[in-house]
Amino acid sequence: MDDFSSHIGIIGGGIAGFTLGCTLKKYGINTVIFEKESMASESGAGISISPNGVIPLEHLDLMDHLKSNSYKSQKGILKYKSELLLEMPSPVYSMNRRDL
């Protein structure tokens, strides 16, 4: 019997599918990601990655890619209308999701 355990198909090329594919690749497992869309959509494509979100990207060896494809702000600010809701003194990376 053939062993197909090192060939994995991933359904969906969103953030979760992409992360799973990168994780499996790091462990030498061949993957194919199946995505129904032929191109990334422009709508809803902005993403900001806070310090906690950077940790998994570091483990996947994706920090060089993140740094070269994003804007790094020195702090994150969350406002509603003109009211300051939250200020994070840590760096936040902002980018187009399809560039991730």
PDB file of N, CA and C in Angstrom:
ATOM      1  N   MET A   1       0.847  -1.178   0.000  1.00  0.00           N
ATOM      2  CA  MET A   1       0.000   0.000   0.000  1.00  0.00           C
ATOM      3  C   MET A   1       0.890   1.238   0.000  1.00  0.00           C
ATOM      4  N   ASP A   2       0.510   2.240  -0.798  1.00  0.00           N
ATOM      5  CA  ASP A   2       1.259   3.493  -0.844  1.00  0.00           C
ATOM      6  C   ASP A   2       0.990   4.330   0.394  1.00  0.00           C
ATOM      7  N   ASP A   3       1.997   5.113   0.785  1.00  0.00           N
ATOM      8  CA  ASP A   3       1.849   6.026   1.924  1.00  0.00           C
ATOM      9  C   ASP A   3       1.629   7.428   1.380  1.00  0.00           C
ATOM     10  N   PHE A   4       0.420   7.940   1.518  1.00  0.00           N
ATOM     11  CA  PHE A   4       0.084   9.266   1.028  1.00  0.00           C
ATOM     12  C   PHE A   4       0.080  10.306   2.141  1.00  0.00           C
ATOM     13  N   SER A   5       0.618   9.975   3.301  1.00  0.00           N
ATOM     14  CA  SER A   5       0.539  10.879   4.445  1.00  0.00           C
ATOM     15  C   SER A   5       1.352  12.151   4.257  1.00  0.00           C
ATOM     16  N   SER A   6       2.292  12.166   3.307  1.00  0.00           N
ATOM     17  CA  SER A   6       3.082  13.378   3.113  1.00  0.00           C
ATOM     18  C   SER A   6       2.572  14.234   1.963  1.00  0.00           C
ATOM     19  N   HIS A   7       1.376  13.953   1.474  1.00  0.00           N
ATOM     20  CA  HIS A   7       0.748  14.745   0.421  1.00  0.00           C
ATOM     21  C   HIS A   7      -0.610  15.209   0.933  1.00  0.00           C
ATOM     22  N   ILE A   8      -0.722  16.494   1.207  1.00  0.00           N
ATOM     23  CA  ILE A   8      -1.924  17.030   1.838  1.00  0.00           C
ATOM     24  C   ILE A   8      -2.570  18.069   0.927  1.00  0.00           C
ATOM     25  N   GLY A   9      -3.888  17.975   0.756  1.00  0.00           N
ATOM     26  CA  GLY A   9      -4.659  18.988   0.059  1.00  0.00           C
ATOM     27  C   GLY A   9      -5.361  19.874   1.072  1.00  0.00           C
ATOM     28  N   ILE A  10      -5.257  21.186   0.887  1.00  0.00           N
ATOM     29  CA  ILE A  10      -5.880  22.153   1.794  1.00  0.00           C
ATOM     30  C   ILE A  10      -6.962  22.884   1.016  1.00  0.00           C
ATOM     31  N   ILE A  11      -8.169  22.876   1.541  1.00  0.00           N
ATOM     32  CA  ILE A  11      -9.288  23.542   0.888  1.00  0.00           C
ATOM     33  C   ILE A  11      -9.416  24.945   1.465  1.00  0.00           C
ATOM     34  N   GLY A  12      -9.178  25.951   0.633  1.00  0.00           N
ATOM     35  CA  GLY A  12      -9.300  27.349   1.045  1.00  0.00           C
ATOM     36  C   GLY A  12      -7.947  28.020   1.195  1.00  0.00           C
ATOM     37  N   GLY A  13      -7.768  29.107   0.462  1.00  0.00           N
ATOM     38  CA  GLY A  13      -6.502  29.839   0.492  1.00  0.00           C
ATOM     39  C   GLY A  13      -6.550  31.089   1.337  1.00  0.00           C
ATOM     40  N   GLY A  14      -7.432  31.098   2.334  1.00  0.00           N
ATOM     41  CA  GLY A  14      -7.470  32.242   3.246  1.00  0.00           C
ATOM     42  C   GLY A  14      -6.325  32.184   4.240  1.00  0.00           C
ATOM     43  N   ILE A  15      -6.423  32.982   5.268  1.00  0.00           N
ATOM     44  CA  ILE A  15      -5.349  33.054   6.254  1.00  0.00           C
ATOM     45  C   ILE A  15      -5.105  31.694   6.909  1.00  0.00           C
ATOM     46  N   ALA A  16      -6.168  30.975   7.250  1.00  0.00           N
ATOM     47  CA  ALA A  16      -5.998  29.672   7.912  1.00  0.00           C
ATOM     48  C   ALA A  16      -5.361  28.649   6.975  1.00  0.00           C
ATOM     49  N   GLY A  17      -5.829  28.586   5.728  1.00  0.00           N
ATOM     50  CA  GLY A  17      -5.253  27.646   4.770  1.00  0.00           C
ATOM     51  C   GLY A  17      -3.799  27.959   4.466  1.00  0.00           C
ATOM     52  N   PHE A  18      -3.502  29.247   4.325  1.00  0.00           N
ATOM     53  CA  PHE A  18      -2.131  29.687   4.078  1.00  0.00           C
ATOM     54  C   PHE A  18      -1.222  29.315   5.247  1.00  0.00           C
ATOM     55  N   THR A  19      -1.694  29.565   6.467  1.00  0.00           N
ATOM     56  CA  THR A  19      -0.895  29.254   7.659  1.00  0.00           C
ATOM     57  C   THR A  19      -0.648  27.757   7.772  1.00  0.00           C
ATOM     58  N   LEU A  20      -1.691  26.960   7.535  1.00  0.00           N
ATOM     59  CA  LEU A  20      -1.526  25.510   7.580  1.00  0.00           C
ATOM     60  C   LEU A  20      -0.523  25.047   6.528  1.00  0.00           C
ATOM     61  N   GLY A  21      -0.630  25.585   5.321  1.00  0.00           N
ATOM     62  CA  GLY A  21       0.303  25.216   4.261  1.00  0.00           C
ATOM     63  C   GLY A  21       1.744  25.552   4.613  1.00  0.00           C
ATOM     64  N   CYS A  22       1.965  26.740   5.176  1.00  0.00           N
ATOM     65  CA  CYS A  22       3.322  27.137   5.584  1.00  0.00           C
ATOM     66  C   CYS A  22       3.849  26.253   6.703  1.00  0.00           C
ATOM     67  N   THR A  23       2.977  25.909   7.640  1.00  0.00           N
ATOM     68  CA  THR A  23       3.395  25.053   8.756  1.00  0.00           C
ATOM     69  C   THR A  23       3.795  23.672   8.253  1.00  0.00           C
ATOM     70  N   LEU A  24       2.969  23.079   7.397  1.00  0.00           N
ATOM     71  CA  LEU A  24       3.281  21.750   6.875  1.00  0.00           C
ATOM     72  C   LEU A  24       4.547  21.766   6.019  1.00  0.00           C
ATOM     73  N   LYS A  25       4.728  22.834   5.235  1.00  0.00           N
ATOM     74  CA  LYS A  25       5.932  22.960   4.410  1.00  0.00           C
ATOM     75  C   LYS A  25       7.179  22.982   5.284  1.00  0.00           C
ATOM     76  N   LYS A  26       7.093  23.676   6.413  1.00  0.00           N
ATOM     77  CA  LYS A  26       8.234  23.760   7.334  1.00  0.00           C
ATOM     78  C   LYS A  26       8.647  22.371   7.817  1.00  0.00           C
ATOM     79  N   TYR A  27       7.699  21.461   7.913  1.00  0.00           N
ATOM     80  CA  TYR A  27       7.978  20.094   8.357  1.00  0.00           C
ATOM     81  C   TYR A  27       8.204  19.124   7.196  1.00  0.00           C
ATOM     82  N   GLY A  28       8.365  19.666   5.990  1.00  0.00           N
ATOM     83  CA  GLY A  28       8.684  18.830   4.843  1.00  0.00           C
ATOM     84  C   GLY A  28       7.512  18.092   4.243  1.00  0.00           C
ATOM     85  N   ILE A  29       6.302  18.533   4.531  1.00  0.00           N
ATOM     86  CA  ILE A  29       5.106  17.872   4.000  1.00  0.00           C
ATOM     87  C   ILE A  29       4.620  18.648   2.781  1.00  0.00           C
ATOM     88  N   ASN A  30       4.493  17.960   1.656  1.00  0.00           N
ATOM     89  CA  ASN A  30       4.033  18.593   0.421  1.00  0.00           C
ATOM     90  C   ASN A  30       2.549  18.917   0.520  1.00  0.00           C
ATOM     91  N   THR A  31       2.186  20.125   0.111  1.00  0.00           N
ATOM     92  CA  THR A  31       0.786  20.539   0.160  1.00  0.00           C
ATOM     93  C   THR A  31       0.372  21.184  -1.154  1.00  0.00           C
ATOM     94  N   VAL A  32      -0.909  21.126  -1.413  1.00  0.00           N
ATOM     95  CA  VAL A  32      -1.539  21.864  -2.500  1.00  0.00           C
ATOM     96  C   VAL A  32      -2.721  22.590  -1.881  1.00  0.00           C
ATOM     97  N   ILE A  33      -2.796  23.906  -2.117  1.00  0.00           N
ATOM     98  CA  ILE A  33      -3.912  24.697  -1.598  1.00  0.00           C
ATOM     99  C   ILE A  33      -4.905  24.908  -2.735  1.00  0.00           C
ATOM    100  N   PHE A  34      -6.155  24.531  -2.506  1.00  0.00           N
ATOM    101  CA  PHE A  34      -7.226  24.702  -3.482  1.00  0.00           C
ATOM    102  C   PHE A  34      -8.060  25.912  -3.078  1.00  0.00           C
ATOM    103  N   GLU A  35      -8.174  26.875  -3.972  1.00  0.00           N
ATOM    104  CA  GLU A  35      -8.924  28.100  -3.710  1.00  0.00           C
ATOM    105  C   GLU A  35      -9.856  28.347  -4.887  1.00  0.00           C
ATOM    106  N   LYS A  36     -11.129  28.637  -4.606  1.00  0.00           N
ATOM    107  CA  LYS A  36     -12.095  28.827  -5.695  1.00  0.00           C
ATOM    108  C   LYS A  36     -11.896  30.143  -6.438  1.00  0.00           C
ATOM    109  N   GLU A  37     -11.369  31.160  -5.765  1.00  0.00           N
ATOM    110  CA  GLU A  37     -11.141  32.452  -6.413  1.00  0.00           C
ATOM    111  C   GLU A  37      -9.816  32.421  -7.168  1.00  0.00           C
ATOM    112  N   SER A  38      -9.811  32.968  -8.379  1.00  0.00           N
ATOM    113  CA  SER A  38      -8.577  32.975  -9.162  1.00  0.00           C
ATOM    114  C   SER A  38      -7.633  34.098  -8.739  1.00  0.00           C
ATOM    115  N   MET A  39      -8.193  35.156  -8.124  1.00  0.00           N
ATOM    116  CA  MET A  39      -7.378  36.280  -7.655  1.00  0.00           C
ATOM    117  C   MET A  39      -7.918  36.757  -6.315  1.00  0.00           C
ATOM    118  N   ALA A  40      -7.041  37.369  -5.530  1.00  0.00           N
ATOM    119  CA  ALA A  40      -7.468  37.940  -4.250  1.00  0.00           C
ATOM    120  C   ALA A  40      -8.350  39.146  -4.511  1.00  0.00           C
ATOM    121  N   SER A  41      -9.394  39.281  -3.755  1.00  0.00           N
ATOM    122  CA  SER A  41     -10.327  40.392  -3.892  1.00  0.00           C
ATOM    123  C   SER A  41      -9.738  41.655  -3.291  1.00  0.00           C
ATOM    124  N   GLU A  42     -10.091  42.794  -3.856  1.00  0.00           N
ATOM    125  CA  GLU A  42      -9.651  44.076  -3.305  1.00  0.00           C
ATOM    126  C   GLU A  42     -10.447  44.453  -2.066  1.00  0.00           C
ATOM    127  N   SER A  43     -11.696  44.012  -1.980  1.00  0.00           N
ATOM    128  CA  SER A  43     -12.529  44.412  -0.848  1.00  0.00           C
ATOM    129  C   SER A  43     -12.141  43.645   0.409  1.00  0.00           C
ATOM    130  N   GLY A  44     -12.110  44.354   1.515  1.00  0.00           N
ATOM    131  CA  GLY A  44     -11.790  43.733   2.793  1.00  0.00           C
ATOM    132  C   GLY A  44     -10.383  43.183   2.852  1.00  0.00           C
ATOM    133  N   ALA A  45      -9.486  43.783   2.080  1.00  0.00           N
ATOM    134  CA  ALA A  45      -8.162  43.201   1.938  1.00  0.00           C
ATOM    135  C   ALA A  45      -7.130  43.767   2.903  1.00  0.00           C
ATOM    136  N   GLY A  46      -7.461  44.789   3.663  1.00  0.00           N
ATOM    137  CA  GLY A  46      -6.492  45.350   4.600  1.00  0.00           C
ATOM    138  C   GLY A  46      -6.388  44.511   5.857  1.00  0.00           C
ATOM    139  N   ILE A  47      -5.175  44.350   6.353  1.00  0.00           N
ATOM    140  CA  ILE A  47      -4.967  43.571   7.569  1.00  0.00           C
ATOM    141  C   ILE A  47      -3.889  44.257   8.401  1.00  0.00           C
ATOM    142  N   SER A  48      -4.110  44.278   9.695  1.00  0.00           N
ATOM    143  CA  SER A  48      -3.116  44.782  10.641  1.00  0.00           C
ATOM    144  C   SER A  48      -2.740  43.645  11.571  1.00  0.00           C
ATOM    145  N   ILE A  49      -1.449  43.488  11.788  1.00  0.00           N
ATOM    146  CA  ILE A  49      -0.954  42.383  12.604  1.00  0.00           C
ATOM    147  C   ILE A  49      -0.299  42.955  13.848  1.00  0.00           C
ATOM    148  N   SER A  50      -0.902  42.655  14.988  1.00  0.00           N
ATOM    149  CA  SER A  50      -0.399  43.154  16.273  1.00  0.00           C
ATOM    150  C   SER A  50       0.738  42.258  16.760  1.00  0.00           C
ATOM    151  N   PRO A  51       1.419  42.649  17.838  1.00  0.00           N
ATOM    152  CA  PRO A  51       2.546  41.848  18.336  1.00  0.00           C
ATOM    153  C   PRO A  51       2.204  40.378  18.588  1.00  0.00           C
ATOM    154  N   ASN A  52       1.034  40.076  19.122  1.00  0.00           N
ATOM    155  CA  ASN A  52       0.661  38.669  19.343  1.00  0.00           C
ATOM    156  C   ASN A  52       0.493  37.918  18.028  1.00  0.00           C
ATOM    157  N   GLY A  53       0.051  38.609  16.993  1.00  0.00           N
ATOM    158  CA  GLY A  53      -0.104  37.976  15.689  1.00  0.00           C
ATOM    159  C   GLY A  53       1.213  37.725  14.982  1.00  0.00           C
ATOM    160  N   VAL A  54       2.249  38.444  15.396  1.00  0.00           N
ATOM    161  CA  VAL A  54       3.566  38.281  14.791  1.00  0.00           C
ATOM    162  C   VAL A  54       4.228  36.980  15.252  1.00  0.00           C
ATOM    163  N   ILE A  55       3.908  36.531  16.451  1.00  0.00           N
ATOM    164  CA  ILE A  55       4.551  35.339  17.022  1.00  0.00           C
ATOM    165  C   ILE A  55       4.435  34.119  16.105  1.00  0.00           C
ATOM    166  N   PRO A  56       3.227  33.776  15.606  1.00  0.00           N
ATOM    167  CA  PRO A  56       3.151  32.614  14.700  1.00  0.00           C
ATOM    168  C   PRO A  56       3.942  32.827  13.410  1.00  0.00           C
ATOM    169  N   LEU A  57       3.986  34.064  12.918  1.00  0.00           N
ATOM    170  CA  LEU A  57       4.740  34.333  11.693  1.00  0.00           C
ATOM    171  C   LEU A  57       6.236  34.152  11.916  1.00  0.00           C
ATOM    172  N   GLU A  58       6.707  34.483  13.114  1.00  0.00           N
ATOM    173  CA  GLU A  58       8.116  34.232  13.447  1.00  0.00           C
ATOM    174  C   GLU A  58       8.404  32.734  13.430  1.00  0.00           C
ATOM    175  N   HIS A  59       7.505  31.939  13.992  1.00  0.00           N
ATOM    176  CA  HIS A  59       7.692  30.483  14.028  1.00  0.00           C
ATOM    177  C   HIS A  59       7.667  29.869  12.631  1.00  0.00           C
ATOM    178  N   LEU A  60       6.974  30.525  11.707  1.00  0.00           N
ATOM    179  CA  LEU A  60       6.889  30.026  10.330  1.00  0.00           C
ATOM    180  C   LEU A  60       7.983  30.611   9.436  1.00  0.00           C
ATOM    181  N   ASP A  61       8.915  31.360  10.038  1.00  0.00           N
ATOM    182  CA  ASP A  61      10.016  31.992   9.296  1.00  0.00           C
ATOM    183  C   ASP A  61       9.508  32.944   8.215  1.00  0.00           C
ATOM    184  N   LEU A  62       8.453  33.701   8.522  1.00  0.00           N
ATOM    185  CA  LEU A  62       7.860  34.623   7.551  1.00  0.00           C
ATOM    186  C   LEU A  62       8.119  36.095   7.875  1.00  0.00           C
ATOM    187  N   MET A  63       8.978  36.375   8.851  1.00  0.00           N
ATOM    188  CA  MET A  63       9.181  37.765   9.256  1.00  0.00           C
ATOM    189  C   MET A  63       9.855  38.604   8.173  1.00  0.00           C
ATOM    190  N   ASP A  64      10.810  38.052   7.443  1.00  0.00           N
ATOM    191  CA  ASP A  64      11.440  38.819   6.364  1.00  0.00           C
ATOM    192  C   ASP A  64      10.401  39.213   5.325  1.00  0.00           C
ATOM    193  N   HIS A  65       9.524  38.276   4.988  1.00  0.00           N
ATOM    194  CA  HIS A  65       8.454  38.562   4.020  1.00  0.00           C
ATOM    195  C   HIS A  65       7.505  39.624   4.575  1.00  0.00           C
ATOM    196  N   LEU A  66       7.129  39.490   5.842  1.00  0.00           N
ATOM    197  CA  LEU A  66       6.227  40.461   6.460  1.00  0.00           C
ATOM    198  C   LEU A  66       6.851  41.852   6.447  1.00  0.00           C
ATOM    199  N   LYS A  67       8.090  41.957   6.865  1.00  0.00           N
ATOM    200  CA  LYS A  67       8.758  43.261   6.949  1.00  0.00           C
ATOM    201  C   LYS A  67       8.919  43.917   5.586  1.00  0.00           C
ATOM    202  N   SER A  68       9.145  43.137   4.543  1.00  0.00           N
ATOM    203  CA  SER A  68       9.349  43.721   3.216  1.00  0.00           C
ATOM    204  C   SER A  68       8.045  44.021   2.485  1.00  0.00           C
ATOM    205  N   ASN A  69       6.906  43.551   2.995  1.00  0.00           N
ATOM    206  CA  ASN A  69       5.619  43.756   2.319  1.00  0.00           C
ATOM    207  C   ASN A  69       4.600  44.502   3.160  1.00  0.00           C
ATOM    208  N   SER A  70       5.046  45.165   4.211  1.00  0.00           N
ATOM    209  CA  SER A  70       4.091  45.844   5.092  1.00  0.00           C
ATOM    210  C   SER A  70       4.645  47.186   5.554  1.00  0.00           C
ATOM    211  N   TYR A  71       3.765  47.961   6.144  1.00  0.00           N
ATOM    212  CA  TYR A  71       4.147  49.208   6.795  1.00  0.00           C
ATOM    213  C   TYR A  71       4.153  48.947   8.292  1.00  0.00           C
ATOM    214  N   LYS A  72       5.248  49.299   8.956  1.00  0.00           N
ATOM    215  CA  LYS A  72       5.362  49.082  10.395  1.00  0.00           C
ATOM    216  C   LYS A  72       5.162  50.412  11.114  1.00  0.00           C
ATOM    217  N   SER A  73       4.095  50.499  11.879  1.00  0.00           N
ATOM    218  CA  SER A  73       3.883  51.686  12.714  1.00  0.00           C
ATOM    219  C   SER A  73       4.441  51.400  14.102  1.00  0.00           C
ATOM    220  N   GLN A  74       4.794  52.437  14.823  1.00  0.00           N
ATOM    221  CA  GLN A  74       5.406  52.267  16.143  1.00  0.00           C
ATOM    222  C   GLN A  74       4.387  51.985  17.235  1.00  0.00           C
ATOM    223  N   LYS A  75       3.124  52.276  16.947  1.00  0.00           N
ATOM    224  CA  LYS A  75       2.072  51.975  17.916  1.00  0.00           C
ATOM    225  C   LYS A  75       0.755  51.810  17.181  1.00  0.00           C
ATOM    226  N   GLY A  76      -0.155  51.118  17.812  1.00  0.00           N
ATOM    227  CA  GLY A  76      -1.488  50.934  17.258  1.00  0.00           C
ATOM    228  C   GLY A  76      -2.491  51.780  18.019  1.00  0.00           C
ATOM    229  N   ILE A  77      -3.370  52.429  17.288  1.00  0.00           N
ATOM    230  CA  ILE A  77      -4.393  53.282  17.900  1.00  0.00           C
ATOM    231  C   ILE A  77      -5.749  52.841  17.378  1.00  0.00           C
ATOM    232  N   LEU A  78      -6.677  52.599  18.281  1.00  0.00           N
ATOM    233  CA  LEU A  78      -8.037  52.218  17.923  1.00  0.00           C
ATOM    234  C   LEU A  78      -8.969  53.336  18.364  1.00  0.00           C
ATOM    235  N   LYS A  79      -9.675  53.918  17.384  1.00  0.00           N
ATOM    236  CA  LYS A  79     -10.610  55.012  17.673  1.00  0.00           C
ATOM    237  C   LYS A  79     -11.987  54.658  17.141  1.00  0.00           C
ATOM    238  N   TYR A  80     -12.994  55.211  17.803  1.00  0.00           N
ATOM    239  CA  TYR A  80     -14.360  55.160  17.291  1.00  0.00           C
ATOM    240  C   TYR A  80     -14.827  56.596  17.201  1.00  0.00           C
ATOM    241  N   LYS A  81     -15.114  57.038  15.969  1.00  0.00           N
ATOM    242  CA  LYS A  81     -15.374  58.445  15.687  1.00  0.00           C
ATOM    243  C   LYS A  81     -14.145  59.217  16.147  1.00  0.00           C
ATOM    244  N   SER A  82     -14.222  60.082  17.103  1.00  0.00           N
ATOM    245  CA  SER A  82     -13.023  60.802  17.557  1.00  0.00           C
ATOM    246  C   SER A  82     -12.561  60.348  18.935  1.00  0.00           C
ATOM    247  N   GLU A  83     -13.209  59.318  19.486  1.00  0.00           N
ATOM    248  CA  GLU A  83     -12.866  58.850  20.831  1.00  0.00           C
ATOM    249  C   GLU A  83     -11.770  57.780  20.772  1.00  0.00           C
ATOM    250  N   LEU A  84     -10.714  57.986  21.541  1.00  0.00           N
ATOM    251  CA  LEU A  84      -9.629  57.021  21.636  1.00  0.00           C
ATOM    252  C   LEU A  84     -10.080  55.856  22.509  1.00  0.00           C
ATOM    253  N   LEU A  85     -10.110  54.659  21.936  1.00  0.00           N
ATOM    254  CA  LEU A  85     -10.527  53.470  22.675  1.00  0.00           C
ATOM    255  C   LEU A  85      -9.341  52.681  23.217  1.00  0.00           C
ATOM    256  N   LEU A  86      -8.253  52.637  22.455  1.00  0.00           N
ATOM    257  CA  LEU A  86      -7.111  51.816  22.845  1.00  0.00           C
ATOM    258  C   LEU A  86      -5.863  52.328  22.150  1.00  0.00           C
ATOM    259  N   GLU A  87      -4.766  52.338  22.883  1.00  0.00           N
ATOM    260  CA  GLU A  87      -3.469  52.661  22.296  1.00  0.00           C
ATOM    261  C   GLU A  87      -2.479  51.577  22.702  1.00  0.00           C
ATOM    262  N   MET A  88      -1.863  50.961  21.702  1.00  0.00           N
ATOM    263  CA  MET A  88      -0.870  49.915  21.960  1.00  0.00           C
ATOM    264  C   MET A  88       0.509  50.484  21.644  1.00  0.00           C
ATOM    265  N   PRO A  89       1.407  50.537  22.626  1.00  0.00           N
ATOM    266  CA  PRO A  89       2.732  51.110  22.376  1.00  0.00           C
ATOM    267  C   PRO A  89       3.676  50.167  21.631  1.00  0.00           C
ATOM    268  N   SER A  90       3.168  49.096  21.114  1.00  0.00           N
ATOM    269  CA  SER A  90       3.986  48.110  20.402  1.00  0.00           C
ATOM    270  C   SER A  90       3.813  48.279  18.902  1.00  0.00           C
ATOM    271  N   PRO A  91       4.776  47.802  18.113  1.00  0.00           N
ATOM    272  CA  PRO A  91       4.658  47.928  16.661  1.00  0.00           C
ATOM    273  C   PRO A  91       3.496  47.110  16.097  1.00  0.00           C
ATOM    274  N   VAL A  92       2.887  47.656  15.058  1.00  0.00           N
ATOM    275  CA  VAL A  92       1.796  46.998  14.339  1.00  0.00           C
ATOM    276  C   VAL A  92       2.166  47.006  12.859  1.00  0.00           C
ATOM    277  N   TYR A  93       2.044  45.865  12.210  1.00  0.00           N
ATOM    278  CA  TYR A  93       2.321  45.759  10.779  1.00  0.00           C
ATOM    279  C   TYR A  93       1.001  45.821  10.024  1.00  0.00           C
ATOM    280  N   SER A  94       0.939  46.672   8.994  1.00  0.00           N
ATOM    281  CA  SER A  94      -0.265  46.803   8.170  1.00  0.00           C
ATOM    282  C   SER A  94       0.095  46.492   6.726  1.00  0.00           C
ATOM    283  N   MET A  95      -0.798  45.746   6.082  1.00  0.00           N
ATOM    284  CA  MET A  95      -0.529  45.347   4.707  1.00  0.00           C
ATOM    285  C   MET A  95      -1.810  44.913   4.006  1.00  0.00           C
ATOM    286  N   ASN A  96      -1.703  44.730   2.714  1.00  0.00           N
ATOM    287  CA  ASN A  96      -2.779  44.150   1.935  1.00  0.00           C
ATOM    288  C   ASN A  96      -2.743  42.643   2.173  1.00  0.00           C
ATOM    289  N   ARG A  97      -3.865  42.040   2.458  1.00  0.00           N
ATOM    290  CA  ARG A  97      -3.910  40.613   2.797  1.00  0.00           C
ATOM    291  C   ARG A  97      -3.310  39.733   1.701  1.00  0.00           C
ATOM    292  N   ARG A  98      -3.517  40.082   0.455  1.00  0.00           N
ATOM    293  CA  ARG A  98      -2.988  39.235  -0.621  1.00  0.00           C
ATOM    294  C   ARG A  98      -1.461  39.256  -0.682  1.00  0.00           C
ATOM    295  N   ASP A  99      -0.831  40.276  -0.064  1.00  0.00           N
ATOM    296  CA  ASP A  99       0.632  40.336  -0.022  1.00  0.00           C
ATOM    297  C   ASP A  99       1.221  39.445   1.055  1.00  0.00           C
ATOM    298  N   LEU A 100       0.373  38.967   1.961  1.00  0.00           N
ATOM    299  CA  LEU A 100       0.861  38.080   3.023  1.00  0.00           C
ATOM    300  C   LEU A 100       1.259  36.747   2.428  1.00  0.00           C
TER     301      LEU A 100
END
